Each structure stands twice: as C-alpha cells, then as structure tokens.
Amino acid sequence: MEFFISNAYAQGAQQGSPLGMLVPMVIIFAAFYFLLIRPQNKKQKAHAALVAGLNVGDEVMTAGGILGKVTNVSEHYAAIEIADGTVIKVQKTSVSQVVPKGTVDAA
C-alpha cells in the first residue's frame, strides 16, 4: 500500500561565491565612510583650525552658549570678557564659533 505522500529529499546545498559576500560589505563600508566618517573628519579639522586661529579681540561663542570677547590666548586656554570687568578662562576647545564683530555689543 502506497501513500500519497512522497519522500522529501534535501536539495543540493550551493556554495556562494566569496566575492558575493565581499561586495555588500564593501558597499556598506563606503556608505559609512561617505555619510559618517568623512563629514566628521572635515568638521574636526575645521574646528581645529578655528581654535588654532583664535586671536585677542575675536568675538566668540563657547559650546555652553557664552558670548564674549577674547582678551588673552595661551596654548590651551583663552580668557574671554563676558561683561565689563568680568573675564572667564575657558579651554580653547570649548570655543564653538567666532561670531562677527559687534555681536557682543549688540547682545
């Protein structure tokens, strides 16, 4: 007596090409490089140039949002006058941007 269910046989396992697995990895790495790594490196270089170019008299804004005028610059620190007679000392790396002249007086 034969049943209507046929025997199930495993299909032959196929080996994928090593190149087939390498191509998606290369595409993912390229996407990460152009979308994440490269823009971050450009931003870091621009900030390093900004910090290296700080001069006395520049009007700056710190990462904390403090606006003031640079009165002294040393190797690692900058003195910023935030009000008449009020000078604070901050790390140069905390300066986020140099603002146009007259911004401190207008604020």
N, C-alpha and C. Protein backbone atom coordinates (compact mmCIF):
# COMPACT_ATOMS: atom_id res chain seq x y z
N MET A 1 0.83 -1.15 0.00
CA MET A 1 0.00 0.00 0.00
C MET A 1 0.89 1.24 0.00
N GLU A 2 0.69 2.04 -0.94
CA GLU A 2 1.50 3.24 -1.08
C GLU A 2 0.67 4.45 -0.70
N PHE A 3 1.34 5.34 0.03
CA PHE A 3 0.65 6.56 0.45
C PHE A 3 0.85 7.64 -0.60
N PHE A 4 0.04 8.65 -0.50
CA PHE A 4 0.13 9.74 -1.46
C PHE A 4 1.18 10.79 -1.10
N ILE A 5 1.88 10.56 -0.04
CA ILE A 5 2.91 11.50 0.38
C ILE A 5 4.23 11.00 -0.17
N SER A 6 4.88 11.87 -0.90
CA SER A 6 6.16 11.46 -1.48
C SER A 6 7.29 11.78 -0.50
N ASN A 7 8.37 11.12 -0.70
CA ASN A 7 9.53 11.34 0.16
C ASN A 7 10.13 12.73 -0.10
N ALA A 8 10.56 13.38 0.97
CA ALA A 8 11.18 14.71 0.84
C ALA A 8 12.69 14.53 0.86
N TYR A 9 13.32 15.04 -0.14
CA TYR A 9 14.77 14.96 -0.24
C TYR A 9 15.35 16.38 -0.14
N ALA A 10 16.46 16.48 0.54
CA ALA A 10 17.12 17.78 0.68
C ALA A 10 17.70 18.19 -0.66
N GLN A 11 17.54 19.49 -0.95
CA GLN A 11 18.12 19.98 -2.20
C GLN A 11 19.62 20.11 -2.01
N GLY A 12 20.32 20.03 -3.07
CA GLY A 12 21.78 20.14 -3.01
C GLY A 12 22.18 21.52 -2.50
N ALA A 13 23.02 21.56 -1.47
CA ALA A 13 23.48 22.84 -0.92
C ALA A 13 24.42 23.50 -1.91
N GLN A 14 24.19 24.77 -2.15
CA GLN A 14 25.03 25.50 -3.09
C GLN A 14 25.96 26.42 -2.31
N GLN A 15 27.18 26.43 -2.71
CA GLN A 15 28.17 27.30 -2.10
C GLN A 15 28.12 28.65 -2.80
N GLY A 16 28.04 29.73 -2.00
CA GLY A 16 28.06 31.06 -2.58
C GLY A 16 29.49 31.50 -2.86
N SER A 17 29.63 32.39 -3.77
CA SER A 17 30.95 32.90 -4.11
C SER A 17 31.45 33.80 -2.98
N PRO A 18 32.74 33.71 -2.61
CA PRO A 18 33.27 34.61 -1.58
C PRO A 18 33.15 36.08 -2.00
N LEU A 19 33.22 36.31 -3.29
CA LEU A 19 33.08 37.66 -3.81
C LEU A 19 31.66 38.17 -3.59
N GLY A 20 30.70 37.28 -3.62
CA GLY A 20 29.31 37.65 -3.40
C GLY A 20 29.07 38.18 -1.99
N MET A 21 29.85 37.74 -1.03
CA MET A 21 29.70 38.24 0.33
C MET A 21 30.55 39.48 0.57
N LEU A 22 31.61 39.63 -0.19
CA LEU A 22 32.51 40.76 -0.01
C LEU A 22 31.93 42.05 -0.57
N VAL A 23 31.22 41.98 -1.66
CA VAL A 23 30.67 43.18 -2.31
C VAL A 23 29.71 43.94 -1.40
N PRO A 24 28.75 43.30 -0.74
CA PRO A 24 27.87 44.07 0.17
C PRO A 24 28.63 44.71 1.33
N MET A 25 29.66 44.05 1.83
CA MET A 25 30.45 44.62 2.92
C MET A 25 31.19 45.87 2.46
N VAL A 26 31.72 45.83 1.26
CA VAL A 26 32.42 46.99 0.70
C VAL A 26 31.44 48.15 0.50
N ILE A 27 30.26 47.86 0.02
CA ILE A 27 29.24 48.89 -0.19
C ILE A 27 28.83 49.52 1.14
N ILE A 28 28.66 48.70 2.16
CA ILE A 28 28.28 49.23 3.49
C ILE A 28 29.40 50.09 4.05
N PHE A 29 30.65 49.65 3.92
CA PHE A 29 31.77 50.45 4.41
C PHE A 29 31.86 51.78 3.67
N ALA A 30 31.68 51.76 2.36
CA ALA A 30 31.74 53.00 1.58
C ALA A 30 30.63 53.96 2.00
N ALA A 31 29.44 53.43 2.26
CA ALA A 31 28.33 54.28 2.70
C ALA A 31 28.65 54.90 4.05
N PHE A 32 29.17 54.13 5.00
CA PHE A 32 29.55 54.67 6.30
C PHE A 32 30.63 55.73 6.16
N TYR A 33 31.60 55.49 5.29
CA TYR A 33 32.69 56.44 5.11
C TYR A 33 32.16 57.78 4.59
N PHE A 34 31.37 57.74 3.52
CA PHE A 34 30.92 58.98 2.90
C PHE A 34 29.80 59.67 3.67
N LEU A 35 29.02 58.93 4.45
CA LEU A 35 27.91 59.54 5.17
C LEU A 35 28.25 59.90 6.61
N LEU A 36 29.21 59.21 7.23
CA LEU A 36 29.50 59.46 8.64
C LEU A 36 30.94 59.88 8.91
N ILE A 37 31.89 59.11 8.45
CA ILE A 37 33.28 59.32 8.83
C ILE A 37 33.87 60.56 8.18
N ARG A 38 33.72 60.71 6.88
CA ARG A 38 34.32 61.84 6.16
C ARG A 38 33.77 63.19 6.63
N PRO A 39 32.45 63.37 6.76
CA PRO A 39 31.95 64.66 7.25
C PRO A 39 32.44 64.99 8.67
N GLN A 40 32.54 63.98 9.52
CA GLN A 40 33.01 64.22 10.89
C GLN A 40 34.48 64.65 10.90
N ASN A 41 35.30 64.03 10.05
CA ASN A 41 36.70 64.43 9.96
C ASN A 41 36.84 65.86 9.46
N LYS A 42 36.02 66.25 8.48
CA LYS A 42 36.06 67.62 7.97
C LYS A 42 35.66 68.60 9.07
N LYS A 43 34.66 68.25 9.85
CA LYS A 43 34.20 69.13 10.93
C LYS A 43 35.29 69.27 11.99
N GLN A 44 35.97 68.17 12.33
CA GLN A 44 37.05 68.23 13.32
C GLN A 44 38.21 69.09 12.83
N LYS A 45 38.56 68.98 11.55
CA LYS A 45 39.65 69.79 11.00
C LYS A 45 39.28 71.28 11.01
N ALA A 46 38.02 71.59 10.68
CA ALA A 46 37.59 72.99 10.68
C ALA A 46 37.62 73.56 12.10
N HIS A 47 37.21 72.78 13.09
CA HIS A 47 37.22 73.26 14.48
C HIS A 47 38.66 73.43 14.97
N ALA A 48 39.55 72.51 14.60
CA ALA A 48 40.96 72.64 14.99
C ALA A 48 41.57 73.90 14.39
N ALA A 49 41.21 74.23 13.15
CA ALA A 49 41.72 75.45 12.52
C ALA A 49 41.15 76.69 13.22
N LEU A 50 39.89 76.64 13.61
CA LEU A 50 39.27 77.74 14.34
C LEU A 50 39.98 77.98 15.67
N VAL A 51 40.23 76.91 16.41
CA VAL A 51 40.88 77.02 17.72
C VAL A 51 42.32 77.52 17.56
N ALA A 52 43.02 77.05 16.55
CA ALA A 52 44.41 77.48 16.33
C ALA A 52 44.47 78.94 15.90
N GLY A 53 43.42 79.44 15.28
CA GLY A 53 43.42 80.80 14.78
C GLY A 53 42.81 81.83 15.72
N LEU A 54 42.55 81.46 16.97
CA LEU A 54 41.98 82.42 17.92
C LEU A 54 42.98 83.55 18.20
N ASN A 55 42.49 84.79 18.16
CA ASN A 55 43.33 85.94 18.42
C ASN A 55 42.65 86.85 19.44
N VAL A 56 43.44 87.68 20.10
CA VAL A 56 42.90 88.67 21.02
C VAL A 56 42.02 89.62 20.23
N GLY A 57 40.83 89.89 20.76
CA GLY A 57 39.88 90.78 20.09
C GLY A 57 38.79 90.06 19.33
N ASP A 58 38.96 88.76 19.09
CA ASP A 58 37.91 87.99 18.42
C ASP A 58 36.69 87.90 19.33
N GLU A 59 35.53 87.95 18.74
CA GLU A 59 34.30 87.73 19.48
C GLU A 59 33.87 86.29 19.23
N VAL A 60 33.65 85.56 20.32
CA VAL A 60 33.43 84.12 20.21
C VAL A 60 32.20 83.68 21.00
N MET A 61 31.73 82.49 20.67
CA MET A 61 30.68 81.83 21.43
C MET A 61 31.22 80.47 21.86
N THR A 62 31.03 80.13 23.13
CA THR A 62 31.51 78.84 23.62
C THR A 62 30.44 77.78 23.38
N ALA A 63 30.82 76.54 23.62
CA ALA A 63 29.88 75.43 23.45
C ALA A 63 28.71 75.55 24.43
N GLY A 64 28.92 76.23 25.55
CA GLY A 64 27.86 76.43 26.54
C GLY A 64 26.96 77.62 26.22
N GLY A 65 27.26 78.35 25.14
CA GLY A 65 26.43 79.47 24.74
C GLY A 65 26.86 80.80 25.30
N ILE A 66 28.04 80.87 25.91
CA ILE A 66 28.54 82.13 26.46
C ILE A 66 29.17 82.94 25.34
N LEU A 67 28.76 84.20 25.25
CA LEU A 67 29.23 85.10 24.21
C LEU A 67 30.18 86.10 24.83
N GLY A 68 31.34 86.33 24.22
CA GLY A 68 32.29 87.27 24.78
C GLY A 68 33.41 87.60 23.83
N LYS A 69 34.32 88.43 24.31
CA LYS A 69 35.45 88.89 23.52
C LYS A 69 36.73 88.32 24.11
N VAL A 70 37.60 87.77 23.27
CA VAL A 70 38.85 87.17 23.71
C VAL A 70 39.81 88.27 24.15
N THR A 71 40.33 88.14 25.38
CA THR A 71 41.28 89.13 25.90
C THR A 71 42.69 88.57 26.03
N ASN A 72 42.82 87.26 26.09
CA ASN A 72 44.14 86.64 26.22
C ASN A 72 44.05 85.22 25.68
N VAL A 73 45.10 84.78 25.00
CA VAL A 73 45.14 83.42 24.45
C VAL A 73 46.45 82.78 24.85
N SER A 74 46.37 81.58 25.44
CA SER A 74 47.58 80.80 25.74
C SER A 74 47.50 79.50 24.94
N GLU A 75 48.37 78.57 25.26
CA GLU A 75 48.43 77.32 24.48
C GLU A 75 47.14 76.52 24.57
N HIS A 76 46.57 76.41 25.77
CA HIS A 76 45.38 75.58 25.96
C HIS A 76 44.15 76.37 26.40
N TYR A 77 44.33 77.61 26.84
CA TYR A 77 43.23 78.37 27.41
C TYR A 77 43.06 79.72 26.72
N ALA A 78 41.85 80.26 26.83
CA ALA A 78 41.56 81.60 26.35
C ALA A 78 40.79 82.34 27.43
N ALA A 79 41.13 83.60 27.64
CA ALA A 79 40.40 84.44 28.58
C ALA A 79 39.37 85.22 27.77
N ILE A 80 38.12 85.13 28.22
CA ILE A 80 37.02 85.76 27.49
C ILE A 80 36.32 86.75 28.41
N GLU A 81 36.19 87.99 27.94
CA GLU A 81 35.47 89.00 28.70
C GLU A 81 34.00 88.91 28.31
N ILE A 82 33.16 88.55 29.30
CA ILE A 82 31.74 88.35 29.02
C ILE A 82 30.90 89.57 29.42
N ALA A 83 31.46 90.44 30.26
CA ALA A 83 30.84 91.70 30.64
C ALA A 83 31.96 92.63 31.07
N ASP A 84 31.66 93.92 31.26
CA ASP A 84 32.70 94.86 31.66
C ASP A 84 33.34 94.41 32.97
N GLY A 85 34.62 94.10 32.93
CA GLY A 85 35.36 93.69 34.11
C GLY A 85 35.17 92.25 34.51
N THR A 86 34.40 91.48 33.76
CA THR A 86 34.18 90.06 34.07
C THR A 86 34.86 89.20 33.01
N VAL A 87 35.95 88.55 33.43
CA VAL A 87 36.72 87.73 32.50
C VAL A 87 36.69 86.29 33.01
N ILE A 88 36.40 85.37 32.10
CA ILE A 88 36.43 83.95 32.45
C ILE A 88 37.52 83.28 31.62
N LYS A 89 38.05 82.20 32.15
CA LYS A 89 39.08 81.44 31.46
C LYS A 89 38.47 80.11 31.04
N VAL A 90 38.55 79.80 29.76
CA VAL A 90 37.97 78.57 29.22
C VAL A 90 39.02 77.83 28.41
N GLN A 91 38.80 76.55 28.23
CA GLN A 91 39.66 75.79 27.32
C GLN A 91 39.37 76.26 25.90
N LYS A 92 40.41 76.35 25.09
CA LYS A 92 40.24 76.82 23.72
C LYS A 92 39.31 75.90 22.92
N THR A 93 39.33 74.62 23.26
CA THR A 93 38.48 73.68 22.51
C THR A 93 36.99 73.87 22.78
N SER A 94 36.66 74.60 23.86
CA SER A 94 35.24 74.83 24.14
C SER A 94 34.67 75.99 23.32
N VAL A 95 35.52 76.70 22.60
CA VAL A 95 35.04 77.75 21.71
C VAL A 95 34.42 77.09 20.49
N SER A 96 33.14 77.35 20.26
CA SER A 96 32.47 76.67 19.16
C SER A 96 32.47 77.47 17.87
N GLN A 97 32.47 78.81 17.99
CA GLN A 97 32.50 79.61 16.77
C GLN A 97 32.98 81.02 17.05
N VAL A 98 33.52 81.63 16.01
CA VAL A 98 33.88 83.04 16.06
C VAL A 98 32.72 83.78 15.40
N VAL A 99 32.14 84.73 16.12
CA VAL A 99 30.98 85.47 15.60
C VAL A 99 31.46 86.78 14.99
N PRO A 100 30.63 87.41 14.15
CA PRO A 100 31.04 88.68 13.52
C PRO A 100 31.28 89.78 14.55
N LYS A 101 32.18 90.69 14.20
CA LYS A 101 32.50 91.83 15.09
C LYS A 101 31.22 92.62 15.36
N GLY A 102 31.06 93.04 16.60
CA GLY A 102 29.89 93.83 17.01
C GLY A 102 28.76 93.00 17.57
N THR A 103 28.87 91.68 17.53
CA THR A 103 27.82 90.82 18.04
C THR A 103 27.71 90.94 19.55
N VAL A 104 28.83 91.05 20.24
CA VAL A 104 28.82 91.15 21.70
C VAL A 104 28.15 92.45 22.13
N ASP A 105 28.45 93.55 21.45
CA ASP A 105 27.87 94.84 21.79
C ASP A 105 26.37 94.88 21.50
N ALA A 106 25.93 94.17 20.46
CA ALA A 106 24.52 94.16 20.08
C ALA A 106 23.69 93.30 21.02
N ALA A 107 24.34 92.32 21.65
CA ALA A 107 23.61 91.40 22.52
C ALA A 107 23.42 91.99 23.83
